[in-house]
Protein backbone atom coordinates (compact mmCIF):
# COMPACT_ATOMS: atom_id res chain seq x y z
CA MET A 1 -38.73 12.52 4.37
CA ASN A 2 -38.87 14.09 0.95
CA LYS A 3 -36.01 15.98 -0.66
CA ASP A 4 -37.30 19.39 0.40
CA ALA A 5 -37.52 18.30 4.03
CA ILE A 6 -33.99 16.89 3.93
CA ASP A 7 -32.70 20.10 2.32
CA ALA A 8 -34.39 22.18 5.00
CA LEU A 9 -32.80 20.12 7.78
CA LEU A 10 -29.38 20.36 6.16
CA GLN A 11 -29.72 24.12 5.82
CA LYS A 12 -30.64 24.35 9.50
CA ILE A 13 -27.53 22.38 10.45
CA GLU A 14 -25.23 24.32 8.14
CA ALA A 15 -26.66 27.63 9.38
CA THR A 16 -24.98 26.98 12.75
CA GLU A 17 -21.55 27.33 11.12
CA ASP A 18 -19.67 30.60 11.65
CA PRO A 19 -18.42 31.77 8.22
CA ALA A 20 -15.44 33.45 9.90
CA LYS A 21 -14.31 30.32 11.74
CA GLY A 22 -13.24 26.83 10.82
CA SER A 23 -11.99 25.43 7.53
CA PRO A 24 -13.96 26.07 4.33
CA ARG A 25 -12.54 22.84 2.90
CA ALA A 26 -13.61 20.81 5.95
CA LYS A 27 -17.07 22.38 5.85
CA ALA A 28 -17.53 21.49 2.19
CA ILE A 29 -16.41 17.88 2.65
CA VAL A 30 -18.27 17.18 5.91
CA ASN A 31 -21.48 18.81 4.70
CA ARG A 32 -21.36 16.77 1.50
CA ILE A 33 -20.82 13.53 3.45
CA VAL A 34 -23.68 14.35 5.84
CA ARG A 35 -25.97 15.16 2.92
CA ASP A 36 -25.11 11.89 1.15
CA LEU A 37 -25.65 9.89 4.35
CA PHE A 38 -29.01 11.53 5.03
CA VAL A 39 -30.12 10.61 1.51
CA THR A 40 -28.76 7.06 1.93
CA ILE A 41 -30.62 6.62 5.23
CA GLU A 42 -33.85 7.86 3.65
CA GLU A 43 -33.62 5.97 0.36
CA LEU A 44 -32.54 2.66 1.93
CA ASP A 45 -34.78 3.08 4.99
CA VAL A 46 -31.91 2.61 7.42
CA GLN A 47 -33.38 1.88 10.85
CA PRO A 48 -32.10 3.39 14.12
CA ASP A 49 -30.73 0.08 15.35
CA GLU A 50 -28.82 -0.33 12.08
CA PHE A 51 -27.42 3.19 12.39
CA TRP A 52 -26.22 2.70 15.97
CA SER A 53 -24.83 -0.73 15.08
CA ALA A 54 -22.72 1.01 12.43
CA ILE A 55 -21.52 3.57 15.01
CA ALA A 56 -20.50 0.73 17.33
CA TYR A 57 -18.70 -0.98 14.46
CA LEU A 58 -16.76 2.19 13.60
CA THR A 59 -15.79 2.58 17.26
CA GLU A 60 -14.52 -1.01 17.33
CA ALA A 61 -12.58 -0.51 14.11
CA GLY A 62 -10.93 2.57 15.58
CA ARG A 63 -9.86 0.70 18.71
CA SER A 64 -8.35 -2.12 16.67
CA GLY A 65 -6.53 0.25 14.30
CA GLU A 66 -8.01 -1.39 11.21
CA TYR A 67 -9.14 1.67 9.28
CA GLY A 68 -6.14 1.31 6.97
CA LEU A 69 -7.22 -2.23 6.08
CA ILE A 70 -10.83 -1.15 5.65
CA ALA A 71 -9.79 1.68 3.32
CA ALA A 72 -7.86 -0.81 1.20
CA GLY A 73 -10.59 -3.44 1.30
CA LEU A 74 -13.33 -1.05 0.19
CA GLY A 75 -11.18 0.10 -2.72
CA PHE A 76 -10.52 3.64 -1.49
CA GLU A 77 -6.74 3.34 -1.65
CA HIS A 78 -6.84 1.88 -5.17
CA PHE A 79 -9.32 4.60 -6.20
CA LEU A 80 -6.90 7.30 -5.02
CA ASP A 81 -4.14 5.69 -7.10
CA LEU A 82 -6.34 5.68 -10.20
CA ARG A 83 -7.23 9.35 -9.69
CA LEU A 84 -3.52 10.20 -9.44
CA ASP A 85 -2.85 8.20 -12.63
CA GLU A 86 -5.54 10.22 -14.40
CA ALA A 87 -4.20 13.53 -13.09
CA GLU A 88 -0.72 12.68 -14.38
CA ALA A 89 -2.08 11.51 -17.74
CA ARG A 90 -3.88 14.82 -18.19
CA GLN A 91 -0.46 16.46 -17.91
CA GLY A 92 0.97 14.09 -20.52
CA LEU A 93 2.79 11.81 -18.06
CA GLU A 94 2.43 8.13 -18.91
CA GLY A 95 4.47 4.97 -18.68
CA GLY A 96 6.97 4.14 -15.98
CA THR A 97 6.54 1.54 -13.29
CA PRO A 98 2.88 1.41 -12.21
CA ARG A 99 2.04 2.70 -8.77
CA THR A 100 -0.13 0.73 -6.40
CA ILE A 101 -1.26 0.96 -2.81
CA GLU A 102 1.09 1.57 0.10
CA GLY A 103 -0.99 -0.32 2.66
CA PRO A 104 -1.01 0.49 6.39
CA LEU A 105 2.19 -1.23 7.54
CA TYR A 106 5.14 0.95 6.48
CA VAL A 107 7.67 1.92 9.17
CA ALA A 108 10.33 4.55 8.52
CA GLY A 109 13.94 4.22 9.57
CA ALA A 110 14.83 0.79 8.18
CA PRO A 111 18.59 0.07 8.21
CA VAL A 112 20.38 1.45 5.16
CA ALA A 113 22.51 -0.80 2.96
CA GLN A 114 24.68 0.04 -0.04
CA GLY A 115 23.70 -1.90 -3.13
CA TYR A 116 22.78 -5.16 -1.38
CA ALA A 117 20.75 -6.03 1.71
CA ARG A 118 19.66 -9.13 3.54
CA LEU A 119 16.15 -8.67 4.90
CA ASP A 120 15.56 -11.94 6.76
CA GLN A 121 17.33 -11.21 10.04
CA ASP A 122 14.98 -13.49 12.04
CA PRO A 123 15.07 -17.26 11.51
CA GLN A 124 12.00 -18.45 9.65
CA PRO A 125 11.04 -21.39 7.45
CA GLY A 126 10.66 -21.07 3.72
CA GLU A 127 12.83 -20.80 0.67
CA VAL A 128 15.36 -18.07 0.06
CA LEU A 129 14.30 -15.37 -2.42
CA TYR A 130 16.84 -13.33 -4.37
CA MET A 131 15.64 -10.13 -6.02
CA HIS A 132 17.62 -7.67 -8.09
CA GLY A 133 17.22 -5.01 -10.72
CA GLN A 134 17.94 -1.46 -11.75
CA VAL A 135 16.41 1.93 -11.02
CA ARG A 136 16.24 4.10 -14.13
CA GLY A 137 14.79 7.40 -15.22
CA ALA A 138 12.17 7.66 -17.95
CA ASP A 139 15.02 8.28 -20.42
CA GLY A 140 16.49 4.88 -19.56
CA ALA A 141 19.53 6.28 -17.75
CA PRO A 142 20.44 4.44 -14.53
CA LEU A 143 19.90 6.36 -11.30
CA ALA A 144 22.84 5.98 -8.93
CA ASN A 145 22.20 6.58 -5.23
CA ALA A 146 18.47 6.08 -5.56
CA THR A 147 16.82 4.65 -2.46
CA VAL A 148 14.76 1.47 -2.57
CA GLU A 149 12.77 1.03 0.63
CA VAL A 150 11.43 -2.51 0.85
CA TRP A 151 9.23 -4.34 3.34
CA HIS A 152 7.13 -7.50 3.40
CA ALA A 153 5.46 -10.04 5.67
CA ASN A 154 6.97 -13.16 7.20
CA HIS A 155 5.80 -16.74 6.71
CA LEU A 156 2.79 -16.11 8.98
CA GLY A 157 1.71 -12.90 7.29
CA GLY A 158 3.05 -10.71 10.09
CA TYR A 159 5.04 -7.50 9.77
CA SER A 160 7.77 -6.43 12.17
CA PHE A 161 6.68 -3.81 14.73
CA PHE A 162 3.04 -4.91 14.27
CA ASP A 163 3.97 -8.52 15.14
CA PRO A 164 5.74 -8.57 18.53
CA SER A 165 7.38 -11.93 17.79
CA GLN A 166 9.67 -10.33 15.19
CA SER A 167 12.75 -8.27 15.88
CA PRO A 168 12.72 -4.56 14.92
CA TYR A 169 13.05 -4.03 11.15
CA ASN A 170 12.94 -7.71 10.29
CA LEU A 171 12.11 -7.93 6.56
CA ARG A 172 12.59 -4.16 6.16
CA ARG A 173 15.56 -2.39 4.57
CA THR A 174 16.54 0.72 2.62
CA ILE A 175 18.91 -0.05 -0.25
CA VAL A 176 20.97 2.67 -1.96
CA THR A 177 21.62 1.82 -5.60
CA ASP A 178 25.16 1.53 -6.92
CA ALA A 179 26.79 3.57 -9.70
CA GLU A 180 24.76 1.65 -12.30
CA GLY A 181 21.48 2.14 -10.45
CA ARG A 182 21.39 -1.49 -9.34
CA TYR A 183 19.95 -2.94 -6.15
CA ARG A 184 20.05 -6.51 -4.82
CA LEU A 185 18.34 -8.17 -1.88
CA ARG A 186 18.05 -11.55 -0.26
CA SER A 187 15.03 -12.52 1.81
CA LYS A 188 12.61 -15.38 2.36
CA MET A 189 9.75 -15.95 -0.04
CA PRO A 190 6.69 -14.11 1.32
CA VAL A 191 3.29 -15.76 1.51
CA GLY A 192 -0.22 -14.46 1.08
CA TYR A 193 -2.21 -13.67 4.20
CA SER A 194 -5.65 -12.61 5.35
CA VAL A 195 -7.01 -9.80 7.49
CA PRO A 196 -7.20 -10.53 11.24
CA PRO A 197 -9.87 -13.20 11.73
CA GLY A 198 -12.87 -11.87 13.60
CA GLY A 199 -11.58 -8.30 13.32
CA ALA A 200 -13.39 -5.26 12.03
CA THR A 201 -12.25 -5.71 8.42
CA ASP A 202 -13.11 -9.40 8.43
CA LYS A 203 -16.60 -8.71 9.81
CA LEU A 204 -17.30 -6.08 7.16
CA LEU A 205 -16.05 -8.18 4.26
CA LYS A 206 -18.13 -11.16 5.38
CA GLN A 207 -21.23 -8.95 5.41
CA LEU A 208 -20.36 -8.07 1.81
CA GLY A 209 -19.84 -11.71 0.84
CA ARG A 210 -16.14 -11.15 0.19
CA HIS A 211 -12.87 -12.68 1.37
CA GLY A 212 -10.03 -10.75 3.01
CA THR A 213 -6.99 -12.45 1.50
CA ARG A 214 -4.00 -10.86 -0.21
CA PRO A 215 -1.58 -12.62 -2.56
CA ALA A 216 2.08 -12.78 -1.60
CA HIS A 217 3.66 -9.40 -2.29
CA ILE A 218 6.58 -7.09 -1.53
CA HIS A 219 6.22 -3.34 -0.92
CA PHE A 220 8.50 -0.59 -2.23
CA PHE A 221 9.10 3.13 -1.99
CA VAL A 222 11.60 4.18 -4.67
CA THR A 223 13.03 7.69 -4.68
CA ALA A 224 15.82 9.59 -6.42
CA PRO A 225 16.74 13.29 -6.52
CA GLY A 226 14.84 15.14 -9.23
CA HIS A 227 12.38 12.28 -9.71
CA ARG A 228 8.89 11.49 -8.51
CA LYS A 229 8.49 9.11 -5.62
CA LEU A 230 7.16 5.70 -6.63
CA THR A 231 4.91 3.80 -4.25
CA THR A 232 4.35 0.28 -5.50
CA GLN A 233 4.53 -3.43 -4.80
CA ILE A 234 5.14 -6.58 -6.76
CA ASN A 235 3.06 -9.73 -6.45
CA ILE A 236 4.48 -13.22 -6.54
CA ASP A 237 3.53 -15.00 -9.73
CA GLY A 238 1.50 -18.18 -9.26
CA ASP A 239 -0.23 -17.14 -6.04
CA PRO A 240 -3.85 -18.36 -6.11
CA TYR A 241 -5.09 -14.88 -5.14
CA LEU A 242 -2.86 -13.08 -7.63
CA TRP A 243 -5.78 -11.42 -9.46
CA ASP A 244 -8.24 -11.70 -6.58
CA ASP A 245 -6.57 -9.40 -4.06
CA PHE A 246 -9.07 -8.05 -1.54
CA ALA A 247 -7.15 -4.74 -1.59
CA PHE A 248 -7.23 -4.45 -5.42
CA ALA A 249 -3.46 -3.82 -5.58
CA THR A 250 -2.49 -6.20 -8.40
CA ARG A 251 -1.78 -4.32 -11.62
CA ASP A 252 -0.36 -5.22 -15.01
CA GLY A 253 3.38 -4.72 -14.97
CA LEU A 254 3.77 -5.65 -11.31
CA VAL A 255 3.88 -9.45 -11.60
CA PRO A 256 7.45 -10.32 -12.55
CA PRO A 257 8.28 -13.89 -13.55
CA LEU A 258 10.13 -16.19 -11.20
CA SER A 259 13.37 -17.76 -12.31
CA ARG A 260 15.66 -20.28 -10.63
CA LEU A 261 19.03 -19.23 -9.24
CA SER A 262 21.45 -22.16 -9.27
CA ASP A 263 24.87 -20.64 -9.95
CA ALA A 264 27.11 -21.71 -7.06
CA ALA A 265 28.97 -18.41 -6.81
CA ALA A 266 25.75 -16.40 -6.84
CA LEU A 267 24.19 -18.62 -4.20
CA ASP A 268 27.28 -18.35 -2.03
CA ALA A 269 27.22 -14.56 -2.31
CA ILE A 270 23.76 -14.41 -0.72
CA GLY A 271 24.34 -17.19 1.80
CA ALA A 272 21.99 -19.70 0.18
CA ASP A 273 22.93 -23.37 0.43
CA ALA A 274 20.52 -24.58 -2.28
CA PRO A 275 19.02 -23.28 -5.53
CA CYS A 276 16.32 -20.67 -4.89
CA ASP A 277 13.77 -18.50 -6.64
CA ALA A 278 14.92 -15.23 -8.14
CA ILE A 279 13.12 -12.14 -9.41
CA GLU A 280 14.58 -9.49 -11.70
CA PHE A 281 12.60 -6.27 -11.60
CA ASP A 282 13.52 -2.79 -12.78
CA PHE A 283 11.94 0.43 -11.52
CA GLU A 284 11.39 3.33 -13.93
CA LEU A 285 10.87 6.73 -12.30
CA HIS A 286 9.48 9.90 -13.83
CA ALA A 287 11.36 13.19 -13.62
CA GLU A 288 9.75 15.72 -11.33
CA ARG A 289 7.82 18.58 -12.92
CA ALA A 290 6.20 21.62 -11.37
CA ASP A 291 2.87 21.04 -13.15
CA LEU A 292 2.33 17.55 -11.74
CA PRO A 293 0.21 16.58 -8.71
CA ALA A 294 2.03 15.87 -5.46
CA ASP A 295 3.67 12.46 -5.27
CA GLN A 296 4.25 12.57 -1.50
CA VAL A 297 1.18 11.34 0.34
CA GLN A 298 0.91 12.79 3.83
CA ARG A 299 -0.41 10.08 6.12
CA ASP A 300 0.29 8.81 9.62
CA HIS A 301 2.76 5.97 9.96
CA PHE A 302 3.82 3.78 12.84
CA VAL A 303 6.76 5.40 14.63
CA ALA A 304 9.46 2.97 15.70
């Protein structure tokens, strides 16, 4: 079909819409997507069996709940972060701790701890990890009573609530910073992991000639009154996939160095019986301003 024929068909479809009903925003977005797909089908000569195979794939992905992984793997979540960075920069907001993707595995309601939390409530192999730092404003002042929500995977790449073998809120906590804006946590060193083998995301990435592996990482939401919410994660230095993350989440400024904790008193305080890896990482938040884009992303989350 030529362009005129496609335009005529689209006009016929859009003419069925009642101007007084529905959402103008939804109409604009859906009509644009349909137009782009019609053009894609025509220009790439997509055959009916290919089209219906794609519909079957999307149905399968919906049943398996993998759309969040697919969105990350195709770069959509990273793209949204970059657009938000640009929107802030246009308003003169730069610096601070870089944001990066949330991912699909956050669960609200993690137990709250004051200043220090132990995340590894389930027994698991691996070395102890100690992480600590400070939450500050852009002016460098410490932010007392800020909340640091933290979550990560276990030694098999599974997350509590999504992995039935783990107890509720294993490797998930909310830490309230002390008077100096400091937080501390003890956990087990996370490992990198891949998308579910044979699942919808894995099938798509293989068709694209790509892998579905993430480097070891730890997720954070950091909030404080009068400041913008920070959604970010750190990656573990030295991971072989550190700069080859299938979800494109690794960013400069989010790969803190590892050090070795060997002080006997410090080890005793976190219940470690041998020297372990330690990470010091500070979070810098921006003050809220009325002219800035929203920092709270409205999206569905698993409900515990």
